[in-house]
Amino acid sequence: MITLSKEDGPADLAGVTHMSIGVSWDPTSGSSGGVLGKLLRTVGTDLDLIAVAMSGGDPVRLAGLDSLDPLGNGGLVHSGDNQTGKGDGDDETVTVEFSKVPPNVTSIVFVAAAFKKSSSFSKARNISFKVYDATGGSVQQVADIWPSLLTSDNGCAVAKAVRNGPNWQLEVINQTGKIKQGDEQALMRFAAGK
C-alpha cells in the first residue's frame, strides 16, 4: 500500500499494475433557498474527470467527456459521464492498466473540471478525489485529495502518473486553474501546464 500527499512528492508505483482515480461531489443549491434551491439540488451540477495521456509535453490521448477507451486496449478507461453528482461513492473514475499504456506515453495527467457551460465548482460541495491501488482485483484507497472551496477556478489538476524507466510514479498536484468552458484545447493546455 502507498499513501500519498502533495508534500510527500512522487510515490513509487512499482508493483502497482492497476490504478484508479475517482471524483465525487454533492449537488448544492448554492445560496438559493425555497423552490429554486430544491430545483438546483435536483438538477445537480456536472463536473468531469479527464485523464490526458502525454508524450513528452504534448497531449496525445484524452479519456473522459465522450472518449471512454482512448488507447483502444483497456489501458486507460473512463467510467462515463455523471452529469449530476447524485448517488454515493465516486461519480466518475479513470482506471489505468500500466502494462497496456504504450511506451510513447510518458505521463498521464488527471484533471477535474467544470467543463461544460453552466457547470461550476461553486455548484458542487464536498468535492473529493480518491486514488486507488486496484492491483490484483482488490481496491485499496491510498489518497483522498480535497481541493479548496475558496476558488473561483473551474479546473483542478489532481495528480500526474509519470513513467520512470520500467515503472511509474504518482505525484499529487491539487492545483486549480481556469479553463475556457467547452474548449478541449484549453483543457489539454491546462493539463500540459501551458
C-alpha atoms as a PDB file:
ATOM      1  CA  MET A   1       0.000   0.000   0.000  1.00  0.00           C
ATOM      2  CA  ILE A   2       1.130   3.533  -0.767  1.00  0.00           C
ATOM      3  CA  THR A   3      -0.080   6.692   0.922  1.00  0.00           C
ATOM      4  CA  LEU A   4       0.029   9.933  -1.000  1.00  0.00           C
ATOM      5  CA  SER A   5       0.044  13.620  -0.195  1.00  0.00           C
ATOM      6  CA  LYS A   6       1.253  16.655  -2.112  1.00  0.00           C
ATOM      7  CA  GLU A   7       4.006  17.260   0.451  1.00  0.00           C
ATOM      8  CA  ASP A   8       5.437  13.745   0.125  1.00  0.00           C
ATOM      9  CA  GLY A   9       6.490  14.195  -3.502  1.00  0.00           C
ATOM     10  CA  PRO A  10       6.190  11.443  -6.123  1.00  0.00           C
ATOM     11  CA  ALA A  11       5.280   7.962  -4.863  1.00  0.00           C
ATOM     12  CA  ASP A  12       6.832   4.914  -6.480  1.00  0.00           C
ATOM     13  CA  LEU A  13       4.197   2.696  -8.093  1.00  0.00           C
ATOM     14  CA  ALA A  14       6.462  -0.352  -8.520  1.00  0.00           C
ATOM     15  CA  GLY A  15       4.222  -3.393  -8.087  1.00  0.00           C
ATOM     16  CA  VAL A  16       1.061  -1.392  -8.849  1.00  0.00           C
ATOM     17  CA  THR A  17      -0.449  -2.791 -12.051  1.00  0.00           C
ATOM     18  CA  HIS A  18      -3.859  -1.058 -11.959  1.00  0.00           C
ATOM     19  CA  MET A  19      -4.631   2.370 -10.519  1.00  0.00           C
ATOM     20  CA  SER A  20      -7.925   4.254 -10.403  1.00  0.00           C
ATOM     21  CA  ILE A  21      -8.737   7.871  -9.678  1.00  0.00           C
ATOM     22  CA  GLY A  22     -12.295   8.823  -8.820  1.00  0.00           C
ATOM     23  CA  VAL A  23     -14.075  12.117  -8.278  1.00  0.00           C
ATOM     24  CA  SER A  24     -17.192  12.590  -6.204  1.00  0.00           C
ATOM     25  CA  TRP A  25     -19.244  15.631  -5.350  1.00  0.00           C
ATOM     26  CA  ASP A  26     -22.594  16.560  -3.878  1.00  0.00           C
ATOM     27  CA  PRO A  27     -25.082  18.787  -5.697  1.00  0.00           C
ATOM     28  CA  THR A  28     -25.902  22.045  -3.913  1.00  0.00           C
ATOM     29  CA  SER A  29     -28.389  24.858  -4.213  1.00  0.00           C
ATOM     30  CA  GLY A  30     -25.645  27.447  -3.750  1.00  0.00           C
ATOM     31  CA  SER A  31     -27.218  30.249  -1.763  1.00  0.00           C
ATOM     32  CA  SER A  32     -30.673  29.737  -3.283  1.00  0.00           C
ATOM     33  CA  GLY A  33     -33.464  28.646  -0.996  1.00  0.00           C
ATOM     34  CA  GLY A  34     -37.052  27.587  -1.490  1.00  0.00           C
ATOM     35  CA  VAL A  35     -38.257  26.146  -4.786  1.00  0.00           C
ATOM     36  CA  LEU A  36     -35.211  27.380  -6.753  1.00  0.00           C
ATOM     37  CA  GLY A  37     -32.825  25.767  -4.237  1.00  0.00           C
ATOM     38  CA  LYS A  38     -34.731  22.471  -4.398  1.00  0.00           C
ATOM     39  CA  LEU A  39     -34.648  22.591  -8.215  1.00  0.00           C
ATOM     40  CA  LEU A  40     -30.880  23.284  -8.253  1.00  0.00           C
ATOM     41  CA  ARG A  41     -30.224  20.332  -5.922  1.00  0.00           C
ATOM     42  CA  THR A  42     -32.465  18.104  -8.071  1.00  0.00           C
ATOM     43  CA  VAL A  43     -30.710  19.086 -11.308  1.00  0.00           C
ATOM     44  CA  GLY A  44     -27.239  18.842  -9.725  1.00  0.00           C
ATOM     45  CA  THR A  45     -24.081  20.010 -11.452  1.00  0.00           C
ATOM     46  CA  ASP A  46     -21.839  18.341 -13.996  1.00  0.00           C
ATOM     47  CA  LEU A  47     -18.157  18.035 -13.156  1.00  0.00           C
ATOM     48  CA  ASP A  48     -15.877  15.992 -15.405  1.00  0.00           C
ATOM     49  CA  LEU A  49     -12.878  13.811 -14.612  1.00  0.00           C
ATOM     50  CA  ILE A  50     -10.467  13.698 -17.541  1.00  0.00           C
ATOM     51  CA  ALA A  51      -7.176  11.839 -17.967  1.00  0.00           C
ATOM     52  CA  VAL A  52      -4.786  13.306 -20.537  1.00  0.00           C
ATOM     53  CA  ALA A  53      -2.074  10.968 -21.829  1.00  0.00           C
ATOM     54  CA  MET A  54       1.079  12.936 -22.612  1.00  0.00           C
ATOM     55  CA  SER A  55       4.008  12.169 -24.902  1.00  0.00           C
ATOM     56  CA  GLY A  56       6.702  14.471 -23.592  1.00  0.00           C
ATOM     57  CA  GLY A  57       4.957  17.839 -23.301  1.00  0.00           C
ATOM     58  CA  ASP A  58       2.249  17.058 -25.879  1.00  0.00           C
ATOM     59  CA  PRO A  59      -1.226  15.714 -25.087  1.00  0.00           C
ATOM     60  CA  VAL A  60      -1.864  12.672 -27.333  1.00  0.00           C
ATOM     61  CA  ARG A  61      -4.996  10.983 -25.901  1.00  0.00           C
ATOM     62  CA  LEU A  62      -7.896  12.065 -23.702  1.00  0.00           C
ATOM     63  CA  ALA A  63     -10.072   9.795 -21.532  1.00  0.00           C
ATOM     64  CA  GLY A  64     -13.320  11.425 -20.478  1.00  0.00           C
ATOM     65  CA  LEU A  65     -16.111  13.524 -21.902  1.00  0.00           C
ATOM     66  CA  ASP A  66     -17.154  11.240 -24.806  1.00  0.00           C
ATOM     67  CA  SER A  67     -13.955   9.156 -25.013  1.00  0.00           C
ATOM     68  CA  LEU A  68     -14.086   6.105 -22.729  1.00  0.00           C
ATOM     69  CA  ASP A  69     -11.178   3.968 -24.063  1.00  0.00           C
ATOM     70  CA  PRO A  70      -8.837   6.303 -25.989  1.00  0.00           C
ATOM     71  CA  LEU A  71      -5.986   3.775 -26.221  1.00  0.00           C
ATOM     72  CA  GLY A  72      -8.377   1.184 -27.662  1.00  0.00           C
ATOM     73  CA  ASN A  73      -6.927  -1.609 -25.493  1.00  0.00           C
ATOM     74  CA  GLY A  74      -8.357  -1.034 -21.998  1.00  0.00           C
ATOM     75  CA  GLY A  75      -5.147   0.617 -20.783  1.00  0.00           C
ATOM     76  CA  LEU A  76      -6.872   3.919 -19.933  1.00  0.00           C
ATOM     77  CA  VAL A  77     -10.610   3.600 -19.289  1.00  0.00           C
ATOM     78  CA  HIS A  78     -13.180   6.206 -18.195  1.00  0.00           C
ATOM     79  CA  SER A  79     -16.364   5.109 -16.392  1.00  0.00           C
ATOM     80  CA  GLY A  80     -18.658   7.529 -18.260  1.00  0.00           C
ATOM     81  CA  ASP A  81     -20.204  10.927 -17.640  1.00  0.00           C
ATOM     82  CA  ASN A  82     -22.168  11.518 -14.429  1.00  0.00           C
ATOM     83  CA  GLN A  83     -23.995  14.795 -15.013  1.00  0.00           C
ATOM     84  CA  THR A  84     -25.481  15.400 -11.577  1.00  0.00           C
ATOM     85  CA  GLY A  85     -23.205  14.256  -8.732  1.00  0.00           C
ATOM     86  CA  LYS A  86     -26.080  12.286  -7.212  1.00  0.00           C
ATOM     87  CA  GLY A  87     -25.545   8.965  -5.511  1.00  0.00           C
ATOM     88  CA  ASP A  88     -22.936   7.521  -3.191  1.00  0.00           C
ATOM     89  CA  GLY A  89     -19.305   6.790  -3.959  1.00  0.00           C
ATOM     90  CA  ASP A  90     -17.301   8.054  -6.910  1.00  0.00           C
ATOM     91  CA  ASP A  91     -19.310   9.820  -9.598  1.00  0.00           C
ATOM     92  CA  GLU A  92     -16.665   9.312 -12.309  1.00  0.00           C
ATOM     93  CA  THR A  93     -13.485   7.206 -12.401  1.00  0.00           C
ATOM     94  CA  VAL A  94     -10.499   6.625 -14.664  1.00  0.00           C
ATOM     95  CA  THR A  95      -8.592   3.344 -14.427  1.00  0.00           C
ATOM     96  CA  VAL A  96      -5.069   2.795 -15.760  1.00  0.00           C
ATOM     97  CA  GLU A  97      -3.602  -0.624 -16.510  1.00  0.00           C
ATOM     98  CA  PHE A  98       0.045   0.364 -16.748  1.00  0.00           C
ATOM     99  CA  SER A  99       1.203  -2.645 -18.819  1.00  0.00           C
ATOM    100  CA  LYS A 100      -1.176  -1.605 -21.622  1.00  0.00           C
ATOM    101  CA  VAL A 101      -0.014   2.030 -21.803  1.00  0.00           C
ATOM    102  CA  PRO A 102       2.135   2.428 -24.963  1.00  0.00           C
ATOM    103  CA  PRO A 103       5.805   3.373 -24.420  1.00  0.00           C
ATOM    104  CA  ASN A 104       5.378   6.747 -26.159  1.00  0.00           C
ATOM    105  CA  VAL A 105       3.034   7.848 -23.328  1.00  0.00           C
ATOM    106  CA  THR A 106       5.404   9.380 -20.785  1.00  0.00           C
ATOM    107  CA  SER A 107       2.818  10.672 -18.299  1.00  0.00           C
ATOM    108  CA  ILE A 108      -0.905  10.820 -17.583  1.00  0.00           C
ATOM    109  CA  VAL A 109      -2.406  13.938 -16.017  1.00  0.00           C
ATOM    110  CA  PHE A 110      -5.725  13.632 -14.172  1.00  0.00           C
ATOM    111  CA  VAL A 111      -7.885  16.771 -14.270  1.00  0.00           C
ATOM    112  CA  ALA A 112     -11.317  17.514 -12.822  1.00  0.00           C
ATOM    113  CA  ALA A 113     -13.173  20.388 -14.428  1.00  0.00           C
ATOM    114  CA  ALA A 114     -16.475  22.193 -14.550  1.00  0.00           C
ATOM    115  CA  PHE A 115     -16.002  21.869 -18.298  1.00  0.00           C
ATOM    116  CA  LYS A 116     -19.470  22.251 -19.779  1.00  0.00           C
ATOM    117  CA  LYS A 117     -21.103  25.662 -19.955  1.00  0.00           C
ATOM    118  CA  SER A 118     -23.252  26.470 -16.892  1.00  0.00           C
ATOM    119  CA  SER A 119     -21.354  23.947 -14.730  1.00  0.00           C
ATOM    120  CA  SER A 120     -19.312  25.296 -11.839  1.00  0.00           C
ATOM    121  CA  PHE A 121     -17.263  24.147  -8.858  1.00  0.00           C
ATOM    122  CA  SER A 122     -19.368  26.585  -6.823  1.00  0.00           C
ATOM    123  CA  LYS A 123     -22.468  24.498  -7.677  1.00  0.00           C
ATOM    124  CA  ALA A 124     -20.848  21.440  -6.080  1.00  0.00           C
ATOM    125  CA  ARG A 125     -19.959  20.686  -2.471  1.00  0.00           C
ATOM    126  CA  ASN A 126     -17.693  18.156  -0.801  1.00  0.00           C
ATOM    127  CA  ILE A 127     -15.565  17.588  -3.913  1.00  0.00           C
ATOM    128  CA  SER A 128     -13.204  14.683  -3.321  1.00  0.00           C
ATOM    129  CA  PHE A 129     -10.592  12.974  -5.484  1.00  0.00           C
ATOM    130  CA  LYS A 130      -9.720   9.449  -4.392  1.00  0.00           C
ATOM    131  CA  VAL A 131      -6.721   7.446  -5.607  1.00  0.00           C
ATOM    132  CA  TYR A 132      -6.954   3.641  -5.510  1.00  0.00           C
ATOM    133  CA  ASP A 133      -4.456   0.836  -5.938  1.00  0.00           C
ATOM    134  CA  ALA A 134      -6.552  -1.717  -7.861  1.00  0.00           C
ATOM    135  CA  THR A 135      -3.769  -4.294  -8.299  1.00  0.00           C
ATOM    136  CA  GLY A 136      -4.879  -7.922  -8.244  1.00  0.00           C
ATOM    137  CA  GLY A 137      -8.578  -7.094  -8.296  1.00  0.00           C
ATOM    138  CA  SER A 138      -8.698  -5.709  -4.746  1.00  0.00           C
ATOM    139  CA  VAL A 139      -9.216  -1.969  -4.451  1.00  0.00           C
ATOM    140  CA  GLN A 140      -7.390  -0.027  -1.722  1.00  0.00           C
ATOM    141  CA  GLN A 141      -7.783   3.725  -1.301  1.00  0.00           C
ATOM    142  CA  VAL A 142      -4.335   5.317  -0.983  1.00  0.00           C
ATOM    143  CA  ALA A 143      -5.207   9.019  -1.086  1.00  0.00           C
ATOM    144  CA  ASP A 144      -8.145  11.382  -0.680  1.00  0.00           C
ATOM    145  CA  ILE A 145      -7.481  14.836  -2.147  1.00  0.00           C
ATOM    146  CA  TRP A 146      -9.757  17.730  -1.240  1.00  0.00           C
ATOM    147  CA  PRO A 147      -9.476  20.910  -3.321  1.00  0.00           C
ATOM    148  CA  SER A 148     -10.109  24.279  -1.675  1.00  0.00           C
ATOM    149  CA  LEU A 149     -13.697  25.525  -1.717  1.00  0.00           C
ATOM    150  CA  LEU A 150     -12.380  29.107  -1.825  1.00  0.00           C
ATOM    151  CA  THR A 151     -11.535  29.027  -5.512  1.00  0.00           C
ATOM    152  CA  SER A 152     -13.306  30.726  -8.393  1.00  0.00           C
ATOM    153  CA  ASP A 153     -11.374  28.440 -10.769  1.00  0.00           C
ATOM    154  CA  ASN A 154     -13.156  25.737 -12.746  1.00  0.00           C
ATOM    155  CA  GLY A 155     -10.354  23.181 -13.113  1.00  0.00           C
ATOM    156  CA  CYS A 156      -8.137  21.164 -10.800  1.00  0.00           C
ATOM    157  CA  ALA A 157      -5.067  19.195 -11.853  1.00  0.00           C
ATOM    158  CA  VAL A 158      -5.445  16.353  -9.369  1.00  0.00           C
ATOM    159  CA  ALA A 159      -2.447  14.086  -9.927  1.00  0.00           C
ATOM    160  CA  LYS A 160       0.110  13.004 -12.502  1.00  0.00           C
ATOM    161  CA  ALA A 161       1.415   9.497 -13.217  1.00  0.00           C
ATOM    162  CA  VAL A 162       4.920   9.680 -14.702  1.00  0.00           C
ATOM    163  CA  ARG A 163       6.837   6.881 -16.425  1.00  0.00           C
ATOM    164  CA  ASN A 164      10.189   6.326 -14.714  1.00  0.00           C
ATOM    165  CA  GLY A 165      12.047   3.648 -16.663  1.00  0.00           C
ATOM    166  CA  PRO A 166      10.022   0.431 -16.458  1.00  0.00           C
ATOM    167  CA  ASN A 167       7.961   1.721 -13.514  1.00  0.00           C
ATOM    168  CA  TRP A 168       5.597   4.597 -12.823  1.00  0.00           C
ATOM    169  CA  GLN A 169       5.439   7.254 -10.111  1.00  0.00           C
ATOM    170  CA  LEU A 170       2.388   9.203  -8.978  1.00  0.00           C
ATOM    171  CA  GLU A 171       2.554  12.800  -7.856  1.00  0.00           C
ATOM    172  CA  VAL A 172      -0.324  14.626  -6.139  1.00  0.00           C
ATOM    173  CA  ILE A 173      -0.726  18.055  -7.781  1.00  0.00           C
ATOM    174  CA  ASN A 174      -4.018  19.500  -6.383  1.00  0.00           C
ATOM    175  CA  GLN A 175      -3.576  22.752  -8.334  1.00  0.00           C
ATOM    176  CA  THR A 176      -6.581  24.769  -9.532  1.00  0.00           C
ATOM    177  CA  GLY A 177      -6.801  26.986 -12.594  1.00  0.00           C
ATOM    178  CA  LYS A 178      -9.149  28.465 -15.162  1.00  0.00           C
ATOM    179  CA  ILE A 179     -10.170  26.511 -18.272  1.00  0.00           C
ATOM    180  CA  LYS A 180     -12.337  28.013 -21.015  1.00  0.00           C
ATOM    181  CA  GLN A 181     -15.543  26.011 -20.765  1.00  0.00           C
ATOM    182  CA  GLY A 182     -16.272  23.740 -23.723  1.00  0.00           C
ATOM    183  CA  ASP A 183     -12.754  24.207 -25.179  1.00  0.00           C
ATOM    184  CA  GLU A 184     -10.876  20.872 -25.324  1.00  0.00           C
ATOM    185  CA  GLN A 185      -7.687  22.630 -26.478  1.00  0.00           C
ATOM    186  CA  ALA A 186      -7.763  24.812 -23.342  1.00  0.00           C
ATOM    187  CA  LEU A 187      -8.352  21.719 -21.223  1.00  0.00           C
ATOM    188  CA  MET A 188      -5.340  19.940 -22.758  1.00  0.00           C
ATOM    189  CA  ARG A 189      -3.159  23.068 -22.375  1.00  0.00           C
ATOM    190  CA  PHE A 190      -4.120  23.199 -18.687  1.00  0.00           C
ATOM    191  CA  ALA A 191      -3.227  19.502 -18.267  1.00  0.00           C
ATOM    192  CA  ALA A 192       0.110  20.117 -20.007  1.00  0.00           C
ATOM    193  CA  GLY A 193       0.833  23.095 -17.748  1.00  0.00           C
ATOM    194  CA  LYS A 194       0.934  25.510 -20.716  1.00  0.00           C
END
